[in-house]
Amino acid sequence: MPIVQHEIRKRGFFGHLFKWLFIIFNILMVLWLFAYWSKIGGMVDQGSQAERAGGAIGAAIGTGMLVFFWVAGDIILGLFTLLTRGKKILITEDVR
């Protein structure tokens, strides 16, 4: 008879709090990025060639800053989420 083990982790209050903060942060960052792109989309197409080039460079810098803040927040909240996931519980079953 083969024996199968399942790993289960039970989160506490802070574990659930950090998990939901992580999820909400990612949703807000996606919304912020798309709102930023929709806002600058019309601005980059207007003006002379130099203005369009400057707008494209500024849009790239702004997008890079948003992505930097997103990654930094994900690393911080992801570590807290990982560290508060709870104690490991092993469940052993006989499979027939």
PDB file of N, CA and C in Angstrom:
ATOM      1  N   MET A   1       0.836  -1.184   0.000  1.00  0.00           N
ATOM      2  CA  MET A   1       0.000   0.000   0.000  1.00  0.00           C
ATOM      3  C   MET A   1       0.881   1.248   0.000  1.00  0.00           C
ATOM      4  N   PRO A   2       0.698   2.114  -0.993  1.00  0.00           N
ATOM      5  CA  PRO A   2       1.480   3.358  -1.010  1.00  0.00           C
ATOM      6  C   PRO A   2       0.948   4.347   0.025  1.00  0.00           C
ATOM      7  N   ILE A   3       1.863   5.086   0.566  1.00  0.00           N
ATOM      8  CA  ILE A   3       1.522   6.110   1.548  1.00  0.00           C
ATOM      9  C   ILE A   3       1.773   7.469   0.912  1.00  0.00           C
ATOM     10  N   VAL A   4       0.797   8.374   1.042  1.00  0.00           N
ATOM     11  CA  VAL A   4       0.876   9.715   0.467  1.00  0.00           C
ATOM     12  C   VAL A   4       0.839  10.722   1.611  1.00  0.00           C
ATOM     13  N   GLN A   5       1.725  11.708   1.542  1.00  0.00           N
ATOM     14  CA  GLN A   5       1.733  12.776   2.540  1.00  0.00           C
ATOM     15  C   GLN A   5       1.373  14.102   1.883  1.00  0.00           C
ATOM     16  N   HIS A   6       0.500  14.838   2.530  1.00  0.00           N
ATOM     17  CA  HIS A   6       0.101  16.174   2.076  1.00  0.00           C
ATOM     18  C   HIS A   6       0.604  17.190   3.085  1.00  0.00           C
ATOM     19  N   GLU A   7       1.089  18.312   2.566  1.00  0.00           N
ATOM     20  CA  GLU A   7       1.554  19.393   3.433  1.00  0.00           C
ATOM     21  C   GLU A   7       0.479  20.473   3.477  1.00  0.00           C
ATOM     22  N   ILE A   8       0.071  20.836   4.679  1.00  0.00           N
ATOM     23  CA  ILE A   8      -0.935  21.881   4.873  1.00  0.00           C
ATOM     24  C   ILE A   8      -0.342  22.919   5.818  1.00  0.00           C
ATOM     25  N   ARG A   9      -0.583  24.187   5.514  1.00  0.00           N
ATOM     26  CA  ARG A   9      -0.145  25.269   6.398  1.00  0.00           C
ATOM     27  C   ARG A   9      -1.375  26.085   6.786  1.00  0.00           C
ATOM     28  N   LYS A  10      -1.503  26.353   8.061  1.00  0.00           N
ATOM     29  CA  LYS A  10      -2.625  27.149   8.549  1.00  0.00           C
ATOM     30  C   LYS A  10      -2.115  28.528   8.918  1.00  0.00           C
ATOM     31  N   ARG A  11      -2.672  29.545   8.271  1.00  0.00           N
ATOM     32  CA  ARG A  11      -2.280  30.927   8.524  1.00  0.00           C
ATOM     33  C   ARG A  11      -3.015  31.474   9.735  1.00  0.00           C
ATOM     34  N   GLY A  12      -2.334  32.357  10.426  1.00  0.00           N
ATOM     35  CA  GLY A  12      -2.952  33.081  11.537  1.00  0.00           C
ATOM     36  C   GLY A  12      -3.521  34.399  11.022  1.00  0.00           C
ATOM     37  N   PHE A  13      -3.828  35.287  11.940  1.00  0.00           N
ATOM     38  CA  PHE A  13      -4.401  36.588  11.583  1.00  0.00           C
ATOM     39  C   PHE A  13      -3.449  37.391  10.710  1.00  0.00           C
ATOM     40  N   PHE A  14      -2.180  37.509  11.135  1.00  0.00           N
ATOM     41  CA  PHE A  14      -1.215  38.296  10.369  1.00  0.00           C
ATOM     42  C   PHE A  14      -0.887  37.630   9.037  1.00  0.00           C
ATOM     43  N   GLY A  15      -0.929  36.308   8.987  1.00  0.00           N
ATOM     44  CA  GLY A  15      -0.718  35.606   7.726  1.00  0.00           C
ATOM     45  C   GLY A  15      -1.781  35.963   6.708  1.00  0.00           C
ATOM     46  N   HIS A  16      -3.038  35.958   7.141  1.00  0.00           N
ATOM     47  CA  HIS A  16      -4.127  36.351   6.241  1.00  0.00           C
ATOM     48  C   HIS A  16      -4.047  37.831   5.878  1.00  0.00           C
ATOM     49  N   LEU A  17      -3.679  38.654   6.846  1.00  0.00           N
ATOM     50  CA  LEU A  17      -3.560  40.088   6.598  1.00  0.00           C
ATOM     51  C   LEU A  17      -2.512  40.377   5.524  1.00  0.00           C
ATOM     52  N   PHE A  18      -1.318  39.797   5.661  1.00  0.00           N
ATOM     53  CA  PHE A  18      -0.265  40.043   4.679  1.00  0.00           C
ATOM     54  C   PHE A  18      -0.598  39.430   3.320  1.00  0.00           C
ATOM     55  N   LYS A  19      -1.280  38.289   3.317  1.00  0.00           N
ATOM     56  CA  LYS A  19      -1.667  37.685   2.040  1.00  0.00           C
ATOM     57  C   LYS A  19      -2.630  38.586   1.280  1.00  0.00           C
ATOM     58  N   TRP A  20      -3.625  39.140   1.990  1.00  0.00           N
ATOM     59  CA  TRP A  20      -4.587  40.015   1.323  1.00  0.00           C
ATOM     60  C   TRP A  20      -3.969  41.366   0.953  1.00  0.00           C
ATOM     61  N   LEU A  21      -3.049  41.865   1.776  1.00  0.00           N
ATOM     62  CA  LEU A  21      -2.332  43.085   1.399  1.00  0.00           C
ATOM     63  C   LEU A  21      -1.526  42.868   0.126  1.00  0.00           C
ATOM     64  N   PHE A  22      -0.892  41.708   0.002  1.00  0.00           N
ATOM     65  CA  PHE A  22      -0.120  41.364  -1.186  1.00  0.00           C
ATOM     66  C   PHE A  22      -1.016  41.326  -2.423  1.00  0.00           C
ATOM     67  N   ILE A  23      -2.170  40.694  -2.317  1.00  0.00           N
ATOM     68  CA  ILE A  23      -3.096  40.584  -3.446  1.00  0.00           C
ATOM     69  C   ILE A  23      -3.650  41.952  -3.828  1.00  0.00           C
ATOM     70  N   ILE A  24      -4.090  42.724  -2.839  1.00  0.00           N
ATOM     71  CA  ILE A  24      -4.666  44.052  -3.107  1.00  0.00           C
ATOM     72  C   ILE A  24      -3.612  44.986  -3.692  1.00  0.00           C
ATOM     73  N   PHE A  25      -2.374  44.910  -3.183  1.00  0.00           N
ATOM     74  CA  PHE A  25      -1.295  45.737  -3.714  1.00  0.00           C
ATOM     75  C   PHE A  25      -1.063  45.452  -5.201  1.00  0.00           C
ATOM     76  N   ASN A  26      -1.054  44.180  -5.584  1.00  0.00           N
ATOM     77  CA  ASN A  26      -0.839  43.826  -6.982  1.00  0.00           C
ATOM     78  C   ASN A  26      -1.982  44.306  -7.875  1.00  0.00           C
ATOM     79  N   ILE A  27      -3.205  44.182  -7.399  1.00  0.00           N
ATOM     80  CA  ILE A  27      -4.350  44.659  -8.177  1.00  0.00           C
ATOM     81  C   ILE A  27      -4.268  46.178  -8.356  1.00  0.00           C
ATOM     82  N   LEU A  28      -3.952  46.903  -7.278  1.00  0.00           N
ATOM     83  CA  LEU A  28      -3.844  48.359  -7.373  1.00  0.00           C
ATOM     84  C   LEU A  28      -2.710  48.790  -8.300  1.00  0.00           C
ATOM     85  N   MET A  29      -1.593  48.075  -8.277  1.00  0.00           N
ATOM     86  CA  MET A  29      -0.478  48.428  -9.149  1.00  0.00           C
ATOM     87  C   MET A  29      -0.825  48.186 -10.621  1.00  0.00           C
ATOM     88  N   VAL A  30      -1.542  47.119 -10.921  1.00  0.00           N
ATOM     89  CA  VAL A  30      -1.970  46.887 -12.306  1.00  0.00           C
ATOM     90  C   VAL A  30      -2.901  48.001 -12.757  1.00  0.00           C
ATOM     91  N   LEU A  31      -3.853  48.375 -11.896  1.00  0.00           N
ATOM     92  CA  LEU A  31      -4.779  49.456 -12.244  1.00  0.00           C
ATOM     93  C   LEU A  31      -4.037  50.776 -12.433  1.00  0.00           C
ATOM     94  N   TRP A  32      -3.067  51.060 -11.574  1.00  0.00           N
ATOM     95  CA  TRP A  32      -2.291  52.296 -11.672  1.00  0.00           C
ATOM     96  C   TRP A  32      -1.491  52.319 -12.972  1.00  0.00           C
ATOM     97  N   LEU A  33      -0.879  51.205 -13.336  1.00  0.00           N
ATOM     98  CA  LEU A  33      -0.082  51.143 -14.557  1.00  0.00           C
ATOM     99  C   LEU A  33      -0.955  51.356 -15.793  1.00  0.00           C
ATOM    100  N   PHE A  34      -2.111  50.693 -15.851  1.00  0.00           N
ATOM    101  CA  PHE A  34      -2.990  50.871 -17.010  1.00  0.00           C
ATOM    102  C   PHE A  34      -3.588  52.280 -17.052  1.00  0.00           C
ATOM    103  N   ALA A  35      -3.902  52.855 -15.891  1.00  0.00           N
ATOM    104  CA  ALA A  35      -4.407  54.232 -15.862  1.00  0.00           C
ATOM    105  C   ALA A  35      -3.334  55.205 -16.340  1.00  0.00           C
ATOM    106  N   TYR A  36      -2.088  54.972 -15.952  1.00  0.00           N
ATOM    107  CA  TYR A  36      -0.975  55.820 -16.391  1.00  0.00           C
ATOM    108  C   TYR A  36      -0.793  55.723 -17.904  1.00  0.00           C
ATOM    109  N   TRP A  37      -0.824  54.498 -18.432  1.00  0.00           N
ATOM    110  CA  TRP A  37      -0.661  54.322 -19.876  1.00  0.00           C
ATOM    111  C   TRP A  37      -1.806  54.956 -20.654  1.00  0.00           C
ATOM    112  N   SER A  38      -3.032  54.858 -20.142  1.00  0.00           N
ATOM    113  CA  SER A  38      -4.155  55.472 -20.857  1.00  0.00           C
ATOM    114  C   SER A  38      -4.078  57.000 -20.789  1.00  0.00           C
ATOM    115  N   LYS A  39      -3.541  57.532 -19.702  1.00  0.00           N
ATOM    116  CA  LYS A  39      -3.415  58.982 -19.556  1.00  0.00           C
ATOM    117  C   LYS A  39      -2.344  59.547 -20.492  1.00  0.00           C
ATOM    118  N   ILE A  40      -1.197  58.882 -20.604  1.00  0.00           N
ATOM    119  CA  ILE A  40      -0.120  59.413 -21.432  1.00  0.00           C
ATOM    120  C   ILE A  40      -0.239  58.992 -22.890  1.00  0.00           C
ATOM    121  N   GLY A  41      -1.157  58.079 -23.205  1.00  0.00           N
ATOM    122  CA  GLY A  41      -1.290  57.602 -24.582  1.00  0.00           C
ATOM    123  C   GLY A  41      -1.600  58.712 -25.563  1.00  0.00           C
ATOM    124  N   GLY A  42      -2.489  59.611 -25.200  1.00  0.00           N
ATOM    125  CA  GLY A  42      -2.839  60.717 -26.078  1.00  0.00           C
ATOM    126  C   GLY A  42      -1.816  61.830 -26.087  1.00  0.00           C
ATOM    127  N   MET A  43      -1.063  61.971 -25.019  1.00  0.00           N
ATOM    128  CA  MET A  43      -0.073  63.051 -24.933  1.00  0.00           C
ATOM    129  C   MET A  43       1.152  62.787 -25.802  1.00  0.00           C
ATOM    130  N   VAL A  44       1.524  61.546 -25.965  1.00  0.00           N
ATOM    131  CA  VAL A  44       2.742  61.215 -26.706  1.00  0.00           C
ATOM    132  C   VAL A  44       2.561  61.452 -28.199  1.00  0.00           C
ATOM    133  N   ASP A  45       1.344  61.374 -28.686  1.00  0.00           N
ATOM    134  CA  ASP A  45       1.094  61.522 -30.121  1.00  0.00           C
ATOM    135  C   ASP A  45       0.963  62.969 -30.572  1.00  0.00           C
ATOM    136  N   GLN A  46       0.977  63.930 -29.679  1.00  0.00           N
ATOM    137  CA  GLN A  46       0.767  65.332 -30.047  1.00  0.00           C
ATOM    138  C   GLN A  46       2.090  66.081 -30.125  1.00  0.00           C
ATOM    139  N   GLY A  47       2.113  67.127 -30.936  1.00  0.00           N
ATOM    140  CA  GLY A  47       3.263  68.024 -31.002  1.00  0.00           C
ATOM    141  C   GLY A  47       4.249  67.654 -32.090  1.00  0.00           C
ATOM    142  N   SER A  48       5.388  68.325 -32.026  1.00  0.00           N
ATOM    143  CA  SER A  48       6.423  68.103 -33.028  1.00  0.00           C
ATOM    144  C   SER A  48       7.144  66.775 -32.770  1.00  0.00           C
ATOM    145  N   GLN A  49       8.086  66.481 -33.646  1.00  0.00           N
ATOM    146  CA  GLN A  49       8.817  65.228 -33.514  1.00  0.00           C
ATOM    147  C   GLN A  49       9.650  65.208 -32.227  1.00  0.00           C
ATOM    148  N   ALA A  50      10.222  66.335 -31.862  1.00  0.00           N
ATOM    149  CA  ALA A  50      11.006  66.417 -30.627  1.00  0.00           C
ATOM    150  C   ALA A  50      10.109  66.237 -29.402  1.00  0.00           C
ATOM    151  N   GLU A  51       8.905  66.828 -29.449  1.00  0.00           N
ATOM    152  CA  GLU A  51       7.975  66.662 -28.329  1.00  0.00           C
ATOM    153  C   GLU A  51       7.511  65.219 -28.203  1.00  0.00           C
ATOM    154  N   ARG A  52       7.283  64.563 -29.318  1.00  0.00           N
ATOM    155  CA  ARG A  52       6.880  63.149 -29.282  1.00  0.00           C
ATOM    156  C   ARG A  52       8.010  62.274 -28.739  1.00  0.00           C
ATOM    157  N   ALA A  53       9.244  62.564 -29.133  1.00  0.00           N
ATOM    158  CA  ALA A  53      10.380  61.793 -28.631  1.00  0.00           C
ATOM    159  C   ALA A  53      10.553  62.005 -27.128  1.00  0.00           C
ATOM    160  N   GLY A  54      10.431  63.257 -26.688  1.00  0.00           N
ATOM    161  CA  GLY A  54      10.522  63.543 -25.256  1.00  0.00           C
ATOM    162  C   GLY A  54       9.399  62.887 -24.471  1.00  0.00           C
ATOM    163  N   GLY A  55       8.206  62.898 -25.051  1.00  0.00           N
ATOM    164  CA  GLY A  55       7.074  62.246 -24.396  1.00  0.00           C
ATOM    165  C   GLY A  55       7.276  60.746 -24.276  1.00  0.00           C
ATOM    166  N   ALA A  56       7.831  60.135 -25.324  1.00  0.00           N
ATOM    167  CA  ALA A  56       8.094  58.698 -25.278  1.00  0.00           C
ATOM    168  C   ALA A  56       9.151  58.360 -24.232  1.00  0.00           C
ATOM    169  N   ILE A  57      10.187  59.191 -24.155  1.00  0.00           N
ATOM    170  CA  ILE A  57      11.229  58.962 -23.147  1.00  0.00           C
ATOM    171  C   ILE A  57      10.657  59.146 -21.739  1.00  0.00           C
ATOM    172  N   GLY A  58       9.870  60.186 -21.554  1.00  0.00           N
ATOM    173  CA  GLY A  58       9.243  60.411 -20.244  1.00  0.00           C
ATOM    174  C   GLY A  58       8.289  59.292 -19.868  1.00  0.00           C
ATOM    175  N   ALA A  59       7.547  58.791 -20.850  1.00  0.00           N
ATOM    176  CA  ALA A  59       6.631  57.684 -20.580  1.00  0.00           C
ATOM    177  C   ALA A  59       7.400  56.432 -20.183  1.00  0.00           C
ATOM    178  N   ALA A  60       8.537  56.188 -20.840  1.00  0.00           N
ATOM    179  CA  ALA A  60       9.354  55.022 -20.492  1.00  0.00           C
ATOM    180  C   ALA A  60       9.940  55.160 -19.089  1.00  0.00           C
ATOM    181  N   ILE A  61      10.384  56.359 -18.733  1.00  0.00           N
ATOM    182  CA  ILE A  61      10.925  56.590 -17.388  1.00  0.00           C
ATOM    183  C   ILE A  61       9.827  56.422 -16.338  1.00  0.00           C
ATOM    184  N   GLY A  62       8.652  56.976 -16.606  1.00  0.00           N
ATOM    185  CA  GLY A  62       7.530  56.837 -15.673  1.00  0.00           C
ATOM    186  C   GLY A  62       7.092  55.395 -15.506  1.00  0.00           C
ATOM    187  N   THR A  63       7.043  54.653 -16.601  1.00  0.00           N
ATOM    188  CA  THR A  63       6.689  53.240 -16.524  1.00  0.00           C
ATOM    189  C   THR A  63       7.744  52.474 -15.740  1.00  0.00           C
ATOM    190  N   GLY A  64       9.011  52.801 -15.957  1.00  0.00           N
ATOM    191  CA  GLY A  64      10.087  52.146 -15.215  1.00  0.00           C
ATOM    192  C   GLY A  64       9.995  52.402 -13.724  1.00  0.00           C
ATOM    193  N   MET A  65       9.639  53.634 -13.353  1.00  0.00           N
ATOM    194  CA  MET A  65       9.489  53.954 -11.932  1.00  0.00           C
ATOM    195  C   MET A  65       8.324  53.181 -11.315  1.00  0.00           C
ATOM    196  N   LEU A  66       7.201  53.101 -12.030  1.00  0.00           N
ATOM    197  CA  LEU A  66       6.059  52.341 -11.516  1.00  0.00           C
ATOM    198  C   LEU A  66       6.406  50.864 -11.353  1.00  0.00           C
ATOM    199  N   VAL A  67       7.112  50.308 -12.327  1.00  0.00           N
ATOM    200  CA  VAL A  67       7.501  48.899 -12.240  1.00  0.00           C
ATOM    201  C   VAL A  67       8.490  48.693 -11.090  1.00  0.00           C
ATOM    202  N   PHE A  68       9.403  49.643 -10.882  1.00  0.00           N
ATOM    203  CA  PHE A  68      10.347  49.552  -9.763  1.00  0.00           C
ATOM    204  C   PHE A  68       9.610  49.520  -8.427  1.00  0.00           C
ATOM    205  N   PHE A  69       8.649  50.443  -8.236  1.00  0.00           N
ATOM    206  CA  PHE A  69       7.888  50.464  -6.993  1.00  0.00           C
ATOM    207  C   PHE A  69       7.059  49.189  -6.831  1.00  0.00           C
ATOM    208  N   TRP A  70       6.537  48.671  -7.940  1.00  0.00           N
ATOM    209  CA  TRP A  70       5.756  47.446  -7.910  1.00  0.00           C
ATOM    210  C   TRP A  70       6.627  46.277  -7.446  1.00  0.00           C
ATOM    211  N   VAL A  71       7.810  46.149  -8.029  1.00  0.00           N
ATOM    212  CA  VAL A  71       8.707  45.041  -7.671  1.00  0.00           C
ATOM    213  C   VAL A  71       9.180  45.181  -6.223  1.00  0.00           C
ATOM    214  N   ALA A  72       9.533  46.392  -5.811  1.00  0.00           N
ATOM    215  CA  ALA A  72       9.981  46.599  -4.432  1.00  0.00           C
ATOM    216  C   ALA A  72       8.872  46.252  -3.439  1.00  0.00           C
ATOM    217  N   GLY A  73       7.657  46.692  -3.718  1.00  0.00           N
ATOM    218  CA  GLY A  73       6.525  46.364  -2.844  1.00  0.00           C
ATOM    219  C   GLY A  73       6.225  44.881  -2.841  1.00  0.00           C
ATOM    220  N   ASP A  74       6.355  44.235  -4.001  1.00  0.00           N
ATOM    221  CA  ASP A  74       6.123  42.792  -4.059  1.00  0.00           C
ATOM    222  C   ASP A  74       7.163  42.014  -3.275  1.00  0.00           C
ATOM    223  N   ILE A  75       8.400  42.450  -3.334  1.00  0.00           N
ATOM    224  CA  ILE A  75       9.449  41.756  -2.568  1.00  0.00           C
ATOM    225  C   ILE A  75       9.181  41.884  -1.072  1.00  0.00           C
ATOM    226  N   ILE A  76       8.870  43.082  -0.628  1.00  0.00           N
ATOM    227  CA  ILE A  76       8.627  43.300   0.802  1.00  0.00           C
ATOM    228  C   ILE A  76       7.383  42.558   1.272  1.00  0.00           C
ATOM    229  N   LEU A  77       6.259  42.761   0.584  1.00  0.00           N
ATOM    230  CA  LEU A  77       5.030  42.094   1.005  1.00  0.00           C
ATOM    231  C   LEU A  77       5.097  40.581   0.773  1.00  0.00           C
ATOM    232  N   GLY A  78       5.799  40.159  -0.273  1.00  0.00           N
ATOM    233  CA  GLY A  78       5.951  38.730  -0.533  1.00  0.00           C
ATOM    234  C   GLY A  78       6.741  38.039   0.559  1.00  0.00           C
ATOM    235  N   LEU A  79       7.788  38.696   1.055  1.00  0.00           N
ATOM    236  CA  LEU A  79       8.549  38.113   2.164  1.00  0.00           C
ATOM    237  C   LEU A  79       7.700  38.015   3.429  1.00  0.00           C
ATOM    238  N   PHE A  80       6.941  39.060   3.730  1.00  0.00           N
ATOM    239  CA  PHE A  80       6.057  38.999   4.896  1.00  0.00           C
ATOM    240  C   PHE A  80       5.000  37.912   4.726  1.00  0.00           C
ATOM    241  N   THR A  81       4.466  37.774   3.511  1.00  0.00           N
ATOM    242  CA  THR A  81       3.480  36.729   3.241  1.00  0.00           C
ATOM    243  C   THR A  81       4.101  35.349   3.410  1.00  0.00           C
ATOM    244  N   LEU A  82       5.310  35.183   2.918  1.00  0.00           N
ATOM    245  CA  LEU A  82       5.997  33.902   3.038  1.00  0.00           C
ATOM    246  C   LEU A  82       6.325  33.565   4.486  1.00  0.00           C
ATOM    247  N   LEU A  83       6.772  34.561   5.237  1.00  0.00           N
ATOM    248  CA  LEU A  83       7.186  34.308   6.617  1.00  0.00           C
ATOM    249  C   LEU A  83       6.023  34.125   7.585  1.00  0.00           C
ATOM    250  N   THR A  84       4.818  34.525   7.204  1.00  0.00           N
ATOM    251  CA  THR A  84       3.654  34.396   8.089  1.00  0.00           C
ATOM    252  C   THR A  84       2.681  33.334   7.592  1.00  0.00           C
ATOM    253  N   ARG A  85       3.166  32.336   6.856  1.00  0.00           N
ATOM    254  CA  ARG A  85       2.251  31.348   6.295  1.00  0.00           C
ATOM    255  C   ARG A  85       1.863  30.256   7.260  1.00  0.00           C
ATOM    256  N   GLY A  86       2.472  30.172   8.402  1.00  0.00           N
ATOM    257  CA  GLY A  86       2.033  29.230   9.419  1.00  0.00           C
ATOM    258  C   GLY A  86       2.906  28.001   9.521  1.00  0.00           C
ATOM    259  N   LYS A  87       2.586  27.197  10.510  1.00  0.00           N
ATOM    260  CA  LYS A  87       3.344  25.989  10.798  1.00  0.00           C
ATOM    261  C   LYS A  87       2.943  24.882   9.829  1.00  0.00           C
ATOM    262  N   LYS A  88       3.933  24.099   9.412  1.00  0.00           N
ATOM    263  CA  LYS A  88       3.681  23.010   8.476  1.00  0.00           C
ATOM    264  C   LYS A  88       3.047  21.821   9.206  1.00  0.00           C
ATOM    265  N   ILE A  89       1.968  21.291   8.624  1.00  0.00           N
ATOM    266  CA  ILE A  89       1.294  20.111   9.163  1.00  0.00           C
ATOM    267  C   ILE A  89       1.310  19.049   8.071  1.00  0.00           C
ATOM    268  N   LEU A  90       1.845  17.866   8.386  1.00  0.00           N
ATOM    269  CA  LEU A  90       1.885  16.769   7.420  1.00  0.00           C
ATOM    270  C   LEU A  90       0.737  15.815   7.706  1.00  0.00           C
ATOM    271  N   ILE A  91      -0.046  15.509   6.670  1.00  0.00           N
ATOM    272  CA  ILE A  91      -1.145  14.561   6.761  1.00  0.00           C
ATOM    273  C   ILE A  91      -0.760  13.328   5.964  1.00  0.00           C
ATOM    274  N   THR A  92      -0.762  12.176   6.606  1.00  0.00           N
ATOM    275  CA  THR A  92      -0.384  10.925   5.966  1.00  0.00           C
ATOM    276  C   THR A  92      -1.630  10.101   5.687  1.00  0.00           C
ATOM    277  N   GLU A  93      -1.739   9.577   4.451  1.00  0.00           N
ATOM    278  CA  GLU A  93      -2.873   8.770   4.036  1.00  0.00           C
ATOM    279  C   GLU A  93      -2.391   7.471   3.405  1.00  0.00           C
ATOM    280  N   ASP A  94      -3.158   6.409   3.589  1.00  0.00           N
ATOM    281  CA  ASP A  94      -2.937   5.168   2.858  1.00  0.00           C
ATOM    282  C   ASP A  94      -3.812   5.194   1.632  1.00  0.00           C
ATOM    283  N   VAL A  95      -3.201   5.009   0.456  1.00  0.00           N
ATOM    284  CA  VAL A  95      -3.962   5.020  -0.798  1.00  0.00           C
ATOM    285  C   VAL A  95      -4.175   3.571  -1.226  1.00  0.00           C
ATOM    286  N   ARG A  96      -5.407   3.214  -1.479  1.00  0.00           N
ATOM    287  CA  ARG A  96      -5.722   1.833  -1.900  1.00  0.00           C
ATOM    288  C   ARG A  96      -6.280   1.819  -3.293  1.00  0.00           C
TER     289      ARG A  96
END
